[in-house]
Amino acid sequence: MKRKYADYPNWERVFKKEYKNRYFDNSDFKGNISLLTAVKVKEKLVVGDNLVILDDGFKWIEIYPENNKNIAISVCINNKNEFLEWYFDIAKDSGLTEQGVPYIDDLYLDVILTPTGEIKIIDQEELQEALNQKIITQNDFDLAYKVANNLINQLQGKLDKIIEFTRKYLELLSDSKN
């Protein structure tokens, strides 16, 4: 199982980055939200049908809900502050390092929400391979699909609310000093 950290400590693709994390506890969210800005990258990150999700000046918001330790959300934002995708990592668990950096224990399966409202489930083969190699248990495998299917049901028809939520926290993190 892979452990992923919100500050991407060993990200060789990025020469220079800025990172900040804040804990929020308000009426619409409780948990940690991080903002990672790729000031200068070694090479672009391109996914799918030539979608660039990382380049100079791009931002990633990392959202770690306290009430759901089984998901972490990465929102990819270009240098014009346009949302490119919401990438939901399905996790066995999440937590904080001693330094306060959020992390997840990744269960390989992922859900993507596009700015057009399309929802995709990806990396099913990685999940199956992890089970076959006994990296995860059958319970972990079942949990990944249960969380992903529940998430897909929750996302249906909520794009406007998700955009509004993301924009709010992007502004709050962009305005904060730490």
Protein backbone atom coordinates (compact mmCIF):
# COMPACT_ATOMS: atom_id res chain seq x y z
CA MET A 1 0.00 0.00 0.00
CA LYS A 2 1.31 3.43 -0.92
CA ARG A 3 1.40 6.31 1.55
CA LYS A 4 0.82 9.66 -0.16
CA TYR A 5 1.62 13.00 1.48
CA ALA A 6 -0.11 16.33 0.75
CA ASP A 7 3.21 18.18 0.39
CA TYR A 8 4.66 15.71 -2.17
CA PRO A 9 8.08 15.67 -0.45
CA ASN A 10 9.97 13.72 -3.14
CA TRP A 11 8.28 15.05 -6.27
CA GLU A 12 11.13 15.05 -8.78
CA ARG A 13 8.92 16.56 -11.50
CA VAL A 14 8.78 19.86 -9.56
CA PHE A 15 11.88 22.09 -9.17
CA LYS A 16 10.27 24.66 -6.89
CA LYS A 17 6.99 24.53 -5.01
CA GLU A 18 5.12 26.40 -2.30
CA TYR A 19 3.04 24.50 0.23
CA LYS A 20 0.62 25.52 2.94
CA ASN A 21 -1.89 23.60 5.00
CA ARG A 22 -4.76 24.76 7.20
CA TYR A 23 -7.20 22.99 9.45
CA PHE A 24 -10.80 24.11 9.02
CA ASP A 25 -13.73 23.51 11.35
CA ASN A 26 -16.84 25.28 10.12
CA SER A 27 -20.37 24.57 8.97
CA ASP A 28 -19.43 23.14 5.56
CA PHE A 29 -16.10 21.39 6.21
CA LYS A 30 -14.01 19.92 8.98
CA GLY A 31 -10.50 18.74 8.18
CA ASN A 32 -7.23 19.73 6.55
CA ILE A 33 -6.91 21.48 3.21
CA SER A 34 -3.52 22.05 1.62
CA LEU A 35 -2.48 24.21 -1.28
CA LEU A 36 0.53 23.19 -3.33
CA THR A 37 1.72 25.63 -5.98
CA ALA A 38 4.16 24.37 -8.60
CA VAL A 39 6.29 27.47 -9.10
CA LYS A 40 8.66 25.75 -11.56
CA VAL A 41 8.35 22.24 -12.97
CA LYS A 42 10.94 20.06 -14.69
CA GLU A 43 8.29 18.67 -17.03
CA LYS A 44 4.54 18.99 -17.48
CA LEU A 45 2.25 16.26 -16.22
CA VAL A 46 -0.18 15.20 -18.93
CA VAL A 47 -2.99 12.67 -18.39
CA GLY A 48 -5.79 11.13 -20.42
CA ASP A 49 -6.55 12.91 -23.67
CA ASN A 50 -3.63 15.36 -23.40
CA LEU A 51 -4.96 17.15 -20.31
CA VAL A 52 -2.11 19.07 -18.68
CA ILE A 53 -2.66 18.94 -14.90
CA LEU A 54 0.74 20.24 -13.79
CA ASP A 55 2.90 23.00 -15.23
CA ASP A 56 4.54 26.21 -14.01
CA GLY A 57 2.10 28.15 -11.84
CA PHE A 58 -0.44 25.33 -11.53
CA LYS A 59 -2.00 24.66 -8.11
CA TRP A 60 -3.26 21.55 -6.44
CA ILE A 61 -5.67 21.72 -3.53
CA GLU A 62 -5.52 18.62 -1.33
CA ILE A 63 -8.66 18.05 0.77
CA TYR A 64 -8.68 15.63 3.73
CA PRO A 65 -12.15 15.44 5.32
CA GLU A 66 -12.00 14.56 9.01
CA ASN A 67 -15.36 12.75 8.88
CA ASN A 68 -14.29 10.48 5.99
CA LYS A 69 -10.81 9.00 6.37
CA ASN A 70 -11.38 6.92 3.22
CA ILE A 71 -11.07 9.70 0.67
CA ALA A 72 -8.68 12.51 -0.17
CA ILE A 73 -9.40 14.94 -2.98
CA SER A 74 -6.85 16.59 -5.25
CA VAL A 75 -8.15 19.50 -7.28
CA CYS A 76 -5.93 20.40 -10.23
CA ILE A 77 -6.02 24.10 -11.16
CA ASN A 78 -4.21 25.72 -14.08
CA ASN A 79 -2.33 29.03 -14.02
CA LYS A 80 -5.56 30.85 -14.98
CA ASN A 81 -7.29 29.46 -11.84
CA GLU A 82 -9.50 27.15 -13.96
CA PHE A 83 -10.43 23.82 -12.41
CA LEU A 84 -9.13 20.93 -14.51
CA GLU A 85 -10.31 17.93 -12.49
CA TRP A 86 -11.22 16.67 -9.04
CA TYR A 87 -9.28 13.49 -8.34
CA PHE A 88 -10.57 11.37 -5.47
CA ASP A 89 -8.08 8.94 -3.98
CA ILE A 90 -9.76 6.04 -2.22
CA ALA A 91 -7.87 5.32 1.00
CA LYS A 92 -7.73 2.72 3.71
CA ASP A 93 -7.05 5.51 6.19
CA SER A 94 -5.70 9.03 6.48
CA GLY A 95 -3.88 10.99 9.13
CA LEU A 96 -1.26 13.62 9.92
CA THR A 97 2.51 13.34 10.26
CA GLU A 98 4.22 14.71 13.39
CA GLN A 99 4.83 17.87 11.33
CA GLY A 100 1.10 18.21 10.61
CA VAL A 101 1.24 17.13 6.96
CA PRO A 102 -1.87 15.19 5.86
CA TYR A 103 -1.41 11.77 4.27
CA ILE A 104 -3.41 8.78 3.06
CA ASP A 105 -2.79 5.07 2.80
CA ASP A 106 -3.88 4.73 -0.82
CA LEU A 107 -6.10 1.86 -1.96
CA TYR A 108 -5.22 2.36 -5.65
CA LEU A 109 -8.79 2.88 -6.88
CA ASP A 110 -9.62 6.46 -7.91
CA VAL A 111 -12.61 8.50 -9.02
CA ILE A 112 -12.32 11.54 -11.28
CA LEU A 113 -14.85 14.35 -11.66
CA THR A 114 -14.36 16.58 -14.71
CA PRO A 115 -15.46 20.24 -15.05
CA THR A 116 -18.24 19.00 -17.37
CA GLY A 117 -19.65 16.76 -14.61
CA GLU A 118 -18.41 13.47 -16.06
CA ILE A 119 -17.49 10.90 -13.39
CA LYS A 120 -14.95 8.15 -14.08
CA ILE A 121 -13.63 5.32 -11.96
CA ILE A 122 -10.01 4.47 -12.75
CA ASP A 123 -7.13 2.21 -11.74
CA GLN A 124 -9.26 -0.88 -11.23
CA GLU A 125 -6.41 -2.97 -12.64
CA GLU A 126 -3.99 -1.56 -10.03
CA LEU A 127 -6.44 -2.48 -7.28
CA GLN A 128 -6.86 -6.01 -8.66
CA GLU A 129 -3.09 -6.42 -9.00
CA ALA A 130 -2.56 -5.29 -5.39
CA LEU A 131 -5.08 -7.93 -4.27
CA ASN A 132 -3.47 -10.62 -6.45
CA GLN A 133 -0.04 -9.80 -5.02
CA LYS A 134 -1.47 -9.79 -1.47
CA ILE A 135 -0.44 -6.15 -0.94
CA ILE A 136 -4.02 -5.56 0.20
CA THR A 137 -6.64 -7.88 1.67
CA GLN A 138 -10.02 -8.84 0.25
CA ASN A 139 -11.55 -6.52 2.87
CA ASP A 140 -9.42 -3.63 1.55
CA PHE A 141 -10.47 -4.47 -2.02
CA ASP A 142 -14.15 -4.53 -1.04
CA LEU A 143 -13.77 -1.30 0.96
CA ALA A 144 -12.25 0.48 -2.06
CA TYR A 145 -15.24 -0.38 -4.27
CA LYS A 146 -17.76 0.41 -1.54
CA VAL A 147 -16.24 3.85 -0.92
CA ALA A 148 -15.91 4.57 -4.68
CA ASN A 149 -19.52 3.59 -5.42
CA ASN A 150 -20.86 5.66 -2.49
CA LEU A 151 -18.76 8.61 -3.64
CA ILE A 152 -20.04 8.36 -7.22
CA ASN A 153 -23.63 8.43 -5.92
CA GLN A 154 -22.84 11.49 -3.77
CA LEU A 155 -21.19 13.37 -6.67
CA GLN A 156 -24.08 12.97 -9.13
CA GLY A 157 -25.62 16.36 -9.88
CA LYS A 158 -23.41 18.24 -7.38
CA LEU A 159 -20.89 19.87 -9.74
CA ASP A 160 -22.03 23.44 -9.02
CA LYS A 161 -21.75 22.92 -5.25
CA ILE A 162 -18.33 21.29 -5.66
CA ILE A 163 -17.09 24.22 -7.76
CA GLU A 164 -18.42 26.71 -5.21
CA PHE A 165 -16.79 24.79 -2.32
CA THR A 166 -13.46 24.52 -4.16
CA ARG A 167 -13.41 28.19 -5.13
CA LYS A 168 -14.12 29.21 -1.51
CA TYR A 169 -11.21 27.21 -0.11
CA LEU A 170 -8.85 28.18 -2.91
CA GLU A 171 -9.49 31.82 -2.01
CA LEU A 172 -9.09 31.18 1.72
CA LEU A 173 -5.79 29.36 1.22
CA SER A 174 -4.50 31.83 -1.37
CA ASP A 175 -5.15 34.71 1.06
CA SER A 176 -3.54 33.00 4.07
CA LYS A 177 0.11 33.48 4.98
CA ASN A 178 0.76 29.93 6.24
